[in-house]
Amino acid sequence: MAQEFVNAKIQPGKVVVFIKPSCPYCRKTQEILSQLPFKQGLLEFVDITATSHTSEIQDYLKQLTGARTVPRVFIGKDCIGGCTDLEVMQQNGELLVRLKQIGALQ
């Protein structure tokens, strides 16, 4: 279940962030990404606590990305990491480059 759920969300050309609403790092990640001009439908925040499989989803994210923590940020099929990784990419300009490469921005 968890593997199918996660794999169905991760798509080329899309940014998907697995979150828990109570997590301050997740909120910061949402804040950063929500300020960017994404094309309609190409940015998705997935609340893993909205399912009864939260723990299994985190286990699969660990298997997939090496970390069980949220947020887990995927740009296309690539996991870039969490909030700190996103902030570094934003500061050095790499974030906008990657988002333009996958065609996610207006």
PDB file of N, CA and C in Angstrom:
ATOM      1  N   MET A   1       0.815  -1.208   0.000  1.00  0.00           N
ATOM      2  CA  MET A   1       0.000   0.000   0.000  1.00  0.00           C
ATOM      3  C   MET A   1       0.850   1.260   0.000  1.00  0.00           C
ATOM      4  N   ALA A   2       1.789   1.372   0.919  1.00  0.00           N
ATOM      5  CA  ALA A   2       2.612   2.581   1.032  1.00  0.00           C
ATOM      6  C   ALA A   2       3.429   2.810  -0.234  1.00  0.00           C
ATOM      7  N   GLN A   3       4.018   1.740  -0.761  1.00  0.00           N
ATOM      8  CA  GLN A   3       4.842   1.862  -1.966  1.00  0.00           C
ATOM      9  C   GLN A   3       4.006   2.354  -3.145  1.00  0.00           C
ATOM     10  N   GLU A   4       2.841   1.792  -3.330  1.00  0.00           N
ATOM     11  CA  GLU A   4       1.970   2.216  -4.431  1.00  0.00           C
ATOM     12  C   GLU A   4       1.523   3.657  -4.242  1.00  0.00           C
ATOM     13  N   PHE A   5       1.201   4.024  -3.002  1.00  0.00           N
ATOM     14  CA  PHE A   5       0.752   5.380  -2.685  1.00  0.00           C
ATOM     15  C   PHE A   5       1.829   6.399  -3.042  1.00  0.00           C
ATOM     16  N   VAL A   6       3.043   6.164  -2.567  1.00  0.00           N
ATOM     17  CA  VAL A   6       4.159   7.088  -2.814  1.00  0.00           C
ATOM     18  C   VAL A   6       4.507   7.129  -4.296  1.00  0.00           C
ATOM     19  N   ASN A   7       4.652   5.971  -4.910  1.00  0.00           N
ATOM     20  CA  ASN A   7       5.049   5.912  -6.317  1.00  0.00           C
ATOM     21  C   ASN A   7       4.021   6.562  -7.235  1.00  0.00           C
ATOM     22  N   ALA A   8       2.744   6.504  -6.865  1.00  0.00           N
ATOM     23  CA  ALA A   8       1.692   7.140  -7.672  1.00  0.00           C
ATOM     24  C   ALA A   8       1.791   8.664  -7.610  1.00  0.00           C
ATOM     25  N   LYS A   9       2.323   9.190  -6.523  1.00  0.00           N
ATOM     26  CA  LYS A   9       2.436  10.645  -6.362  1.00  0.00           C
ATOM     27  C   LYS A   9       3.646  11.229  -7.097  1.00  0.00           C
ATOM     28  N   ILE A  10       4.750  10.479  -7.107  1.00  0.00           N
ATOM     29  CA  ILE A  10       6.001  10.972  -7.694  1.00  0.00           C
ATOM     30  C   ILE A  10       5.921  10.843  -9.211  1.00  0.00           C
ATOM     31  N   GLN A  11       5.991  11.978  -9.905  1.00  0.00           N
ATOM     32  CA  GLN A  11       5.850  11.980 -11.361  1.00  0.00           C
ATOM     33  C   GLN A  11       6.848  12.936 -11.995  1.00  0.00           C
ATOM     34  N   PRO A  12       7.306  12.605 -13.209  1.00  0.00           N
ATOM     35  CA  PRO A  12       8.191  13.532 -13.921  1.00  0.00           C
ATOM     36  C   PRO A  12       7.465  14.866 -14.135  1.00  0.00           C
ATOM     37  N   GLY A  13       8.197  15.958 -14.015  1.00  0.00           N
ATOM     38  CA  GLY A  13       7.620  17.275 -14.277  1.00  0.00           C
ATOM     39  C   GLY A  13       6.815  17.854 -13.133  1.00  0.00           C
ATOM     40  N   LYS A  14       6.809  17.170 -12.000  1.00  0.00           N
ATOM     41  CA  LYS A  14       5.992  17.605 -10.874  1.00  0.00           C
ATOM     42  C   LYS A  14       6.846  17.677  -9.606  1.00  0.00           C
ATOM     43  N   VAL A  15       6.490  18.574  -8.700  1.00  0.00           N
ATOM     44  CA  VAL A  15       7.145  18.650  -7.399  1.00  0.00           C
ATOM     45  C   VAL A  15       6.154  18.123  -6.369  1.00  0.00           C
ATOM     46  N   VAL A  16       6.592  17.112  -5.622  1.00  0.00           N
ATOM     47  CA  VAL A  16       5.753  16.490  -4.599  1.00  0.00           C
ATOM     48  C   VAL A  16       6.513  16.540  -3.282  1.00  0.00           C
ATOM     49  N   VAL A  17       5.814  16.956  -2.240  1.00  0.00           N
ATOM     50  CA  VAL A  17       6.418  17.049  -0.908  1.00  0.00           C
ATOM     51  C   VAL A  17       5.555  16.256   0.067  1.00  0.00           C
ATOM     52  N   PHE A  18       6.157  15.256   0.686  1.00  0.00           N
ATOM     53  CA  PHE A  18       5.472  14.470   1.700  1.00  0.00           C
ATOM     54  C   PHE A  18       5.670  15.179   3.036  1.00  0.00           C
ATOM     55  N   ILE A  19       4.547  15.479   3.715  1.00  0.00           N
ATOM     56  CA  ILE A  19       4.584  16.317   4.914  1.00  0.00           C
ATOM     57  C   ILE A  19       3.735  15.744   6.043  1.00  0.00           C
ATOM     58  N   LYS A  20       3.954  16.331   7.216  1.00  0.00           N
ATOM     59  CA  LYS A  20       3.049  16.220   8.363  1.00  0.00           C
ATOM     60  C   LYS A  20       2.730  17.662   8.740  1.00  0.00           C
ATOM     61  N   PRO A  21       1.460  18.038   8.822  1.00  0.00           N
ATOM     62  CA  PRO A  21       1.097  19.434   9.093  1.00  0.00           C
ATOM     63  C   PRO A  21       1.666  19.996  10.393  1.00  0.00           C
ATOM     64  N   SER A  22       1.912  19.161  11.374  1.00  0.00           N
ATOM     65  CA  SER A  22       2.422  19.643  12.661  1.00  0.00           C
ATOM     66  C   SER A  22       3.931  19.905  12.653  1.00  0.00           C
ATOM     67  N   CYS A  23       4.604  19.534  11.579  1.00  0.00           N
ATOM     68  CA  CYS A  23       6.060  19.643  11.497  1.00  0.00           C
ATOM     69  C   CYS A  23       6.483  21.058  11.070  1.00  0.00           C
ATOM     70  N   PRO A  24       7.317  21.748  11.869  1.00  0.00           N
ATOM     71  CA  PRO A  24       7.750  23.100  11.494  1.00  0.00           C
ATOM     72  C   PRO A  24       8.603  23.125  10.224  1.00  0.00           C
ATOM     73  N   TYR A  25       9.373  22.080   9.978  1.00  0.00           N
ATOM     74  CA  TYR A  25      10.181  22.020   8.752  1.00  0.00           C
ATOM     75  C   TYR A  25       9.292  21.838   7.529  1.00  0.00           C
ATOM     76  N   CYS A  26       8.215  21.106   7.700  1.00  0.00           N
ATOM     77  CA  CYS A  26       7.255  20.940   6.606  1.00  0.00           C
ATOM     78  C   CYS A  26       6.582  22.268   6.279  1.00  0.00           C
ATOM     79  N   ARG A  27       6.216  23.012   7.316  1.00  0.00           N
ATOM     80  CA  ARG A  27       5.581  24.325   7.097  1.00  0.00           C
ATOM     81  C   ARG A  27       6.543  25.282   6.399  1.00  0.00           C
ATOM     82  N   LYS A  28       7.812  25.265   6.789  1.00  0.00           N
ATOM     83  CA  LYS A  28       8.819  26.123   6.153  1.00  0.00           C
ATOM     84  C   LYS A  28       8.992  25.740   4.678  1.00  0.00           C
ATOM     85  N   THR A  29       9.016  24.448   4.401  1.00  0.00           N
ATOM     86  CA  THR A  29       9.129  23.965   3.025  1.00  0.00           C
ATOM     87  C   THR A  29       7.931  24.413   2.196  1.00  0.00           C
ATOM     88  N   GLN A  30       6.740  24.306   2.776  1.00  0.00           N
ATOM     89  CA  GLN A  30       5.534  24.753   2.081  1.00  0.00           C
ATOM     90  C   GLN A  30       5.600  26.251   1.793  1.00  0.00           C
ATOM     91  N   GLU A  31       6.086  26.998   2.748  1.00  0.00           N
ATOM     92  CA  GLU A  31       6.210  28.448   2.604  1.00  0.00           C
ATOM     93  C   GLU A  31       7.149  28.800   1.447  1.00  0.00           C
ATOM     94  N   ILE A  32       8.302  28.151   1.391  1.00  0.00           N
ATOM     95  CA  ILE A  32       9.285  28.416   0.330  1.00  0.00           C
ATOM     96  C   ILE A  32       8.696  28.101  -1.041  1.00  0.00           C
ATOM     97  N   LEU A  33       8.136  26.910  -1.179  1.00  0.00           N
ATOM     98  CA  LEU A  33       7.643  26.477  -2.489  1.00  0.00           C
ATOM     99  C   LEU A  33       6.381  27.222  -2.915  1.00  0.00           C
ATOM    100  N   SER A  34       5.546  27.592  -1.961  1.00  0.00           N
ATOM    101  CA  SER A  34       4.294  28.288  -2.290  1.00  0.00           C
ATOM    102  C   SER A  34       4.528  29.697  -2.824  1.00  0.00           C
ATOM    103  N   GLN A  35       5.721  30.242  -2.619  1.00  0.00           N
ATOM    104  CA  GLN A  35       6.042  31.582  -3.124  1.00  0.00           C
ATOM    105  C   GLN A  35       6.459  31.564  -4.598  1.00  0.00           C
ATOM    106  N   LEU A  36       6.661  30.370  -5.149  1.00  0.00           N
ATOM    107  CA  LEU A  36       7.136  30.260  -6.532  1.00  0.00           C
ATOM    108  C   LEU A  36       5.962  30.112  -7.498  1.00  0.00           C
ATOM    109  N   PRO A  37       6.134  30.593  -8.738  1.00  0.00           N
ATOM    110  CA  PRO A  37       5.034  30.574  -9.717  1.00  0.00           C
ATOM    111  C   PRO A  37       4.894  29.218 -10.426  1.00  0.00           C
ATOM    112  N   PHE A  38       4.403  28.222  -9.704  1.00  0.00           N
ATOM    113  CA  PHE A  38       4.214  26.901 -10.296  1.00  0.00           C
ATOM    114  C   PHE A  38       3.046  26.904 -11.267  1.00  0.00           C
ATOM    115  N   LYS A  39       3.157  26.108 -12.316  1.00  0.00           N
ATOM    116  CA  LYS A  39       2.023  25.868 -13.195  1.00  0.00           C
ATOM    117  C   LYS A  39       0.989  25.067 -12.414  1.00  0.00           C
ATOM    118  N   GLN A  40      -0.274  25.274 -12.762  1.00  0.00           N
ATOM    119  CA  GLN A  40      -1.388  24.598 -12.086  1.00  0.00           C
ATOM    120  C   GLN A  40      -1.164  23.082 -12.047  1.00  0.00           C
ATOM    121  N   GLY A  41      -1.275  22.503 -10.856  1.00  0.00           N
ATOM    122  CA  GLY A  41      -1.207  21.056 -10.692  1.00  0.00           C
ATOM    123  C   GLY A  41       0.186  20.454 -10.615  1.00  0.00           C
ATOM    124  N   LEU A  42       1.237  21.288 -10.669  1.00  0.00           N
ATOM    125  CA  LEU A  42       2.596  20.744 -10.674  1.00  0.00           C
ATOM    126  C   LEU A  42       3.312  20.864  -9.330  1.00  0.00           C
ATOM    127  N   LEU A  43       2.592  21.282  -8.302  1.00  0.00           N
ATOM    128  CA  LEU A  43       3.118  21.303  -6.942  1.00  0.00           C
ATOM    129  C   LEU A  43       2.078  20.644  -6.057  1.00  0.00           C
ATOM    130  N   GLU A  44       2.489  19.602  -5.339  1.00  0.00           N
ATOM    131  CA  GLU A  44       1.555  18.892  -4.465  1.00  0.00           C
ATOM    132  C   GLU A  44       2.199  18.637  -3.107  1.00  0.00           C
ATOM    133  N   PHE A  45       1.450  18.967  -2.074  1.00  0.00           N
ATOM    134  CA  PHE A  45       1.851  18.642  -0.710  1.00  0.00           C
ATOM    135  C   PHE A  45       0.986  17.468  -0.267  1.00  0.00           C
ATOM    136  N   VAL A  46       1.629  16.381   0.127  1.00  0.00           N
ATOM    137  CA  VAL A  46       0.912  15.169   0.507  1.00  0.00           C
ATOM    138  C   VAL A  46       1.017  14.989   2.021  1.00  0.00           C
ATOM    139  N   ASP A  47      -0.106  15.134   2.691  1.00  0.00           N
ATOM    140  CA  ASP A  47      -0.166  14.973   4.143  1.00  0.00           C
ATOM    141  C   ASP A  47      -0.231  13.476   4.458  1.00  0.00           C
ATOM    142  N   ILE A  48       0.872  12.934   4.933  1.00  0.00           N
ATOM    143  CA  ILE A  48       0.914  11.491   5.187  1.00  0.00           C
ATOM    144  C   ILE A  48       0.138  11.104   6.445  1.00  0.00           C
ATOM    145  N   THR A  49      -0.256  12.093   7.258  1.00  0.00           N
ATOM    146  CA  THR A  49      -1.059  11.772   8.442  1.00  0.00           C
ATOM    147  C   THR A  49      -2.543  11.641   8.083  1.00  0.00           C
ATOM    148  N   ALA A  50      -2.907  11.972   6.866  1.00  0.00           N
ATOM    149  CA  ALA A  50      -4.296  11.858   6.421  1.00  0.00           C
ATOM    150  C   ALA A  50      -4.642  10.416   6.043  1.00  0.00           C
ATOM    151  N   THR A  51      -3.687   9.539   6.130  1.00  0.00           N
ATOM    152  CA  THR A  51      -3.893   8.129   5.838  1.00  0.00           C
ATOM    153  C   THR A  51      -3.628   7.313   7.094  1.00  0.00           C
ATOM    154  N   SER A  52      -4.118   6.110   7.130  1.00  0.00           N
ATOM    155  CA  SER A  52      -3.860   5.238   8.284  1.00  0.00           C
ATOM    156  C   SER A  52      -2.540   4.489   8.127  1.00  0.00           C
ATOM    157  N   HIS A  53      -1.777   4.838   7.102  1.00  0.00           N
ATOM    158  CA  HIS A  53      -0.523   4.140   6.801  1.00  0.00           C
ATOM    159  C   HIS A  53       0.700   5.038   6.963  1.00  0.00           C
ATOM    160  N   THR A  54       0.627   6.017   7.857  1.00  0.00           N
ATOM    161  CA  THR A  54       1.706   6.986   8.038  1.00  0.00           C
ATOM    162  C   THR A  54       3.060   6.319   8.267  1.00  0.00           C
ATOM    163  N   SER A  55       3.110   5.387   9.188  1.00  0.00           N
ATOM    164  CA  SER A  55       4.370   4.729   9.532  1.00  0.00           C
ATOM    165  C   SER A  55       4.929   3.937   8.344  1.00  0.00           C
ATOM    166  N   GLU A  56       4.051   3.238   7.645  1.00  0.00           N
ATOM    167  CA  GLU A  56       4.491   2.456   6.477  1.00  0.00           C
ATOM    168  C   GLU A  56       5.004   3.368   5.363  1.00  0.00           C
ATOM    169  N   ILE A  57       4.351   4.510   5.190  1.00  0.00           N
ATOM    170  CA  ILE A  57       4.805   5.475   4.181  1.00  0.00           C
ATOM    171  C   ILE A  57       6.195   5.987   4.548  1.00  0.00           C
ATOM    172  N   GLN A  58       6.399   6.307   5.825  1.00  0.00           N
ATOM    173  CA  GLN A  58       7.721   6.777   6.253  1.00  0.00           C
ATOM    174  C   GLN A  58       8.769   5.678   6.088  1.00  0.00           C
ATOM    175  N   ASP A  59       8.409   4.440   6.357  1.00  0.00           N
ATOM    176  CA  ASP A  59       9.342   3.321   6.151  1.00  0.00           C
ATOM    177  C   ASP A  59       9.730   3.221   4.680  1.00  0.00           C
ATOM    178  N   TYR A  60       8.752   3.366   3.788  1.00  0.00           N
ATOM    179  CA  TYR A  60       9.051   3.284   2.357  1.00  0.00           C
ATOM    180  C   TYR A  60       9.881   4.492   1.911  1.00  0.00           C
ATOM    181  N   LEU A  61       9.593   5.673   2.444  1.00  0.00           N
ATOM    182  CA  LEU A  61      10.399   6.853   2.103  1.00  0.00           C
ATOM    183  C   LEU A  61      11.850   6.647   2.529  1.00  0.00           C
ATOM    184  N   LYS A  62      12.058   5.996   3.676  1.00  0.00           N
ATOM    185  CA  LYS A  62      13.426   5.698   4.113  1.00  0.00           C
ATOM    186  C   LYS A  62      14.107   4.750   3.138  1.00  0.00           C
ATOM    187  N   GLN A  63      13.382   3.739   2.717  1.00  0.00           N
ATOM    188  CA  GLN A  63      13.918   2.785   1.746  1.00  0.00           C
ATOM    189  C   GLN A  63      14.263   3.492   0.433  1.00  0.00           C
ATOM    190  N   LEU A  64      13.407   4.403   0.031  1.00  0.00           N
ATOM    191  CA  LEU A  64      13.554   5.099  -1.248  1.00  0.00           C
ATOM    192  C   LEU A  64      14.614   6.200  -1.207  1.00  0.00           C
ATOM    193  N   THR A  65      14.691   6.932  -0.073  1.00  0.00           N
ATOM    194  CA  THR A  65      15.513   8.149  -0.031  1.00  0.00           C
ATOM    195  C   THR A  65      16.637   8.117   0.998  1.00  0.00           C
ATOM    196  N   GLY A  66      16.611   7.122   1.883  1.00  0.00           N
ATOM    197  CA  GLY A  66      17.626   7.051   2.928  1.00  0.00           C
ATOM    198  C   GLY A  66      17.248   7.779   4.205  1.00  0.00           C
ATOM    199  N   ALA A  67      16.092   8.446   4.203  1.00  0.00           N
ATOM    200  CA  ALA A  67      15.629   9.151   5.408  1.00  0.00           C
ATOM    201  C   ALA A  67      14.135   8.927   5.585  1.00  0.00           C
ATOM    202  N   ARG A  68      13.760   8.763   6.820  1.00  0.00           N
ATOM    203  CA  ARG A  68      12.360   8.502   7.175  1.00  0.00           C
ATOM    204  C   ARG A  68      11.631   9.794   7.542  1.00  0.00           C
ATOM    205  N   THR A  69      12.392  10.855   7.767  1.00  0.00           N
ATOM    206  CA  THR A  69      11.823  12.119   8.228  1.00  0.00           C
ATOM    207  C   THR A  69      11.098  12.852   7.113  1.00  0.00           C
ATOM    208  N   VAL A  70      10.196  13.723   7.525  1.00  0.00           N
ATOM    209  CA  VAL A  70       9.530  14.613   6.579  1.00  0.00           C
ATOM    210  C   VAL A  70       9.949  16.041   6.919  1.00  0.00           C
ATOM    211  N   PRO A  71       9.931  16.924   5.938  1.00  0.00           N
ATOM    212  CA  PRO A  71       9.450  16.705   4.592  1.00  0.00           C
ATOM    213  C   PRO A  71      10.448  15.926   3.731  1.00  0.00           C
ATOM    214  N   ARG A  72       9.921  15.258   2.756  1.00  0.00           N
ATOM    215  CA  ARG A  72      10.716  14.630   1.691  1.00  0.00           C
ATOM    216  C   ARG A  72      10.273  15.324   0.421  1.00  0.00           C
ATOM    217  N   VAL A  73      11.199  16.013  -0.231  1.00  0.00           N
ATOM    218  CA  VAL A  73      10.897  16.839  -1.401  1.00  0.00           C
ATOM    219  C   VAL A  73      11.383  16.121  -2.656  1.00  0.00           C
ATOM    220  N   PHE A  74      10.458  15.894  -3.585  1.00  0.00           N
ATOM    221  CA  PHE A  74      10.791  15.274  -4.865  1.00  0.00           C
ATOM    222  C   PHE A  74      10.604  16.298  -5.974  1.00  0.00           C
ATOM    223  N   ILE A  75      11.647  16.484  -6.769  1.00  0.00           N
ATOM    224  CA  ILE A  75      11.556  17.292  -7.984  1.00  0.00           C
ATOM    225  C   ILE A  75      11.598  16.277  -9.119  1.00  0.00           C
ATOM    226  N   GLY A  76      10.452  16.092  -9.750  1.00  0.00           N
ATOM    227  CA  GLY A  76      10.335  14.986 -10.694  1.00  0.00           C
ATOM    228  C   GLY A  76      10.485  13.684  -9.921  1.00  0.00           C
ATOM    229  N   LYS A  77      11.310  12.790 -10.418  1.00  0.00           N
ATOM    230  CA  LYS A  77      11.519  11.487  -9.764  1.00  0.00           C
ATOM    231  C   LYS A  77      12.664  11.526  -8.753  1.00  0.00           C
ATOM    232  N   ASP A  78      13.344  12.673  -8.633  1.00  0.00           N
ATOM    233  CA  ASP A  78      14.515  12.785  -7.761  1.00  0.00           C
ATOM    234  C   ASP A  78      14.157  13.390  -6.410  1.00  0.00           C
ATOM    235  N   CYS A  79      14.552  12.715  -5.339  1.00  0.00           N
ATOM    236  CA  CYS A  79      14.388  13.284  -4.000  1.00  0.00           C
ATOM    237  C   CYS A  79      15.588  14.188  -3.731  1.00  0.00           C
ATOM    238  N   ILE A  80      15.301  15.442  -3.413  1.00  0.00           N
ATOM    239  CA  ILE A  80      16.391  16.382  -3.116  1.00  0.00           C
ATOM    240  C   ILE A  80      16.681  16.444  -1.628  1.00  0.00           C
ATOM    241  N   GLY A  81      15.829  15.797  -0.812  1.00  0.00           N
ATOM    242  CA  GLY A  81      16.041  15.789   0.626  1.00  0.00           C
ATOM    243  C   GLY A  81      14.903  16.460   1.359  1.00  0.00           C
ATOM    244  N   GLY A  82      15.265  17.230   2.395  1.00  0.00           N
ATOM    245  CA  GLY A  82      14.279  17.880   3.237  1.00  0.00           C
ATOM    246  C   GLY A  82      14.360  19.389   3.167  1.00  0.00           C
ATOM    247  N   CYS A  83      13.905  20.035   4.218  1.00  0.00           N
ATOM    248  CA  CYS A  83      13.813  21.490   4.259  1.00  0.00           C
ATOM    249  C   CYS A  83      15.177  22.162   4.120  1.00  0.00           C
ATOM    250  N   THR A  84      16.164  21.692   4.860  1.00  0.00           N
ATOM    251  CA  THR A  84      17.493  22.302   4.809  1.00  0.00           C
ATOM    252  C   THR A  84      18.085  22.193   3.405  1.00  0.00           C
ATOM    253  N   ASP A  85      17.907  21.037   2.767  1.00  0.00           N
ATOM    254  CA  ASP A  85      18.402  20.845   1.398  1.00  0.00           C
ATOM    255  C   ASP A  85      17.707  21.806   0.435  1.00  0.00           C
ATOM    256  N   LEU A  86      16.404  21.980   0.624  1.00  0.00           N
ATOM    257  CA  LEU A  86      15.640  22.905  -0.211  1.00  0.00           C
ATOM    258  C   LEU A  86      16.135  24.337  -0.022  1.00  0.00           C
ATOM    259  N   GLU A  87      16.382  24.728   1.237  1.00  0.00           N
ATOM    260  CA  GLU A  87      16.875  26.077   1.518  1.00  0.00           C
ATOM    261  C   GLU A  87      18.229  26.322   0.868  1.00  0.00           C
ATOM    262  N   VAL A  88      19.107  25.343   0.916  1.00  0.00           N
ATOM    263  CA  VAL A  88      20.428  25.475   0.280  1.00  0.00           C
ATOM    264  C   VAL A  88      20.262  25.649  -1.228  1.00  0.00           C
ATOM    265  N   MET A  89      19.395  24.837  -1.827  1.00  0.00           N
ATOM    266  CA  MET A  89      19.155  24.950  -3.274  1.00  0.00           C
ATOM    267  C   MET A  89      18.563  26.309  -3.632  1.00  0.00           C
ATOM    268  N   GLN A  90      17.688  26.817  -2.781  1.00  0.00           N
ATOM    269  CA  GLN A  90      17.085  28.123  -3.027  1.00  0.00           C
ATOM    270  C   GLN A  90      18.148  29.218  -2.963  1.00  0.00           C
ATOM    271  N   GLN A  91      19.001  29.151  -1.961  1.00  0.00           N
ATOM    272  CA  GLN A  91      20.026  30.179  -1.760  1.00  0.00           C
ATOM    273  C   GLN A  91      21.073  30.192  -2.866  1.00  0.00           C
ATOM    274  N   ASN A  92      21.440  29.016  -3.375  1.00  0.00           N
ATOM    275  CA  ASN A  92      22.481  28.993  -4.409  1.00  0.00           C
ATOM    276  C   ASN A  92      21.923  29.055  -5.832  1.00  0.00           C
ATOM    277  N   GLY A  93      20.610  29.202  -5.966  1.00  0.00           N
ATOM    278  CA  GLY A  93      19.992  29.350  -7.281  1.00  0.00           C
ATOM    279  C   GLY A  93      19.673  28.049  -7.979  1.00  0.00           C
ATOM    280  N   GLU A  94      20.066  26.937  -7.405  1.00  0.00           N
ATOM    281  CA  GLU A  94      19.850  25.640  -8.048  1.00  0.00           C
ATOM    282  C   GLU A  94      18.367  25.264  -8.105  1.00  0.00           C
ATOM    283  N   LEU A  95      17.583  25.694  -7.121  1.00  0.00           N
ATOM    284  CA  LEU A  95      16.171  25.342  -7.084  1.00  0.00           C
ATOM    285  C   LEU A  95      15.439  25.839  -8.324  1.00  0.00           C
ATOM    286  N   LEU A  96      15.604  27.105  -8.650  1.00  0.00           N
ATOM    287  CA  LEU A  96      14.926  27.649  -9.830  1.00  0.00           C
ATOM    288  C   LEU A  96      15.395  26.965 -11.107  1.00  0.00           C
ATOM    289  N   VAL A  97      16.676  26.664 -11.185  1.00  0.00           N
ATOM    290  CA  VAL A  97      17.215  25.967 -12.363  1.00  0.00           C
ATOM    291  C   VAL A  97      16.529  24.614 -12.527  1.00  0.00           C
ATOM    292  N   ARG A  98      16.469  23.841 -11.437  1.00  0.00           N
ATOM    293  CA  ARG A  98      15.855  22.508 -11.496  1.00  0.00           C
ATOM    294  C   ARG A  98      14.370  22.580 -11.844  1.00  0.00           C
ATOM    295  N   LEU A  99      13.674  23.548 -11.263  1.00  0.00           N
ATOM    296  CA  LEU A  99      12.238  23.672 -11.534  1.00  0.00           C
ATOM    297  C   LEU A  99      11.989  24.079 -12.978  1.00  0.00           C
ATOM    298  N   LYS A 100      12.842  24.920 -13.525  1.00  0.00           N
ATOM    299  CA  LYS A 100      12.702  25.308 -14.930  1.00  0.00           C
ATOM    300  C   LYS A 100      13.020  24.125 -15.844  1.00  0.00           C
ATOM    301  N   GLN A 101      14.016  23.309 -15.459  1.00  0.00           N
ATOM    302  CA  GLN A 101      14.393  22.145 -16.262  1.00  0.00           C
ATOM    303  C   GLN A 101      13.235  21.174 -16.419  1.00  0.00           C
ATOM    304  N   ILE A 102      12.438  20.982 -15.370  1.00  0.00           N
ATOM    305  CA  ILE A 102      11.317  20.051 -15.476  1.00  0.00           C
ATOM    306  C   ILE A 102      10.041  20.722 -15.977  1.00  0.00           C
ATOM    307  N   GLY A 103      10.094  22.016 -16.238  1.00  0.00           N
ATOM    308  CA  GLY A 103       8.943  22.744 -16.787  1.00  0.00           C
ATOM    309  C   GLY A 103       7.829  22.993 -15.789  1.00  0.00           C
ATOM    310  N   ALA A 104       8.167  23.103 -14.498  1.00  0.00           N
ATOM    311  CA  ALA A 104       7.149  23.249 -13.460  1.00  0.00           C
ATOM    312  C   ALA A 104       6.708  24.692 -13.232  1.00  0.00           C
ATOM    313  N   LEU A 105       7.500  25.652 -13.704  1.00  0.00           N
ATOM    314  CA  LEU A 105       7.183  27.061 -13.429  1.00  0.00           C
ATOM    315  C   LEU A 105       6.489  27.738 -14.612  1.00  0.00           C
ATOM    316  N   GLN A 106       5.686  28.745 -14.273  1.00  0.00           N
ATOM    317  CA  GLN A 106       4.995  29.522 -15.324  1.00  0.00           C
ATOM    318  C   GLN A 106       5.970  30.426 -16.040  1.00  0.00           C
TER     319      GLN A 106
END
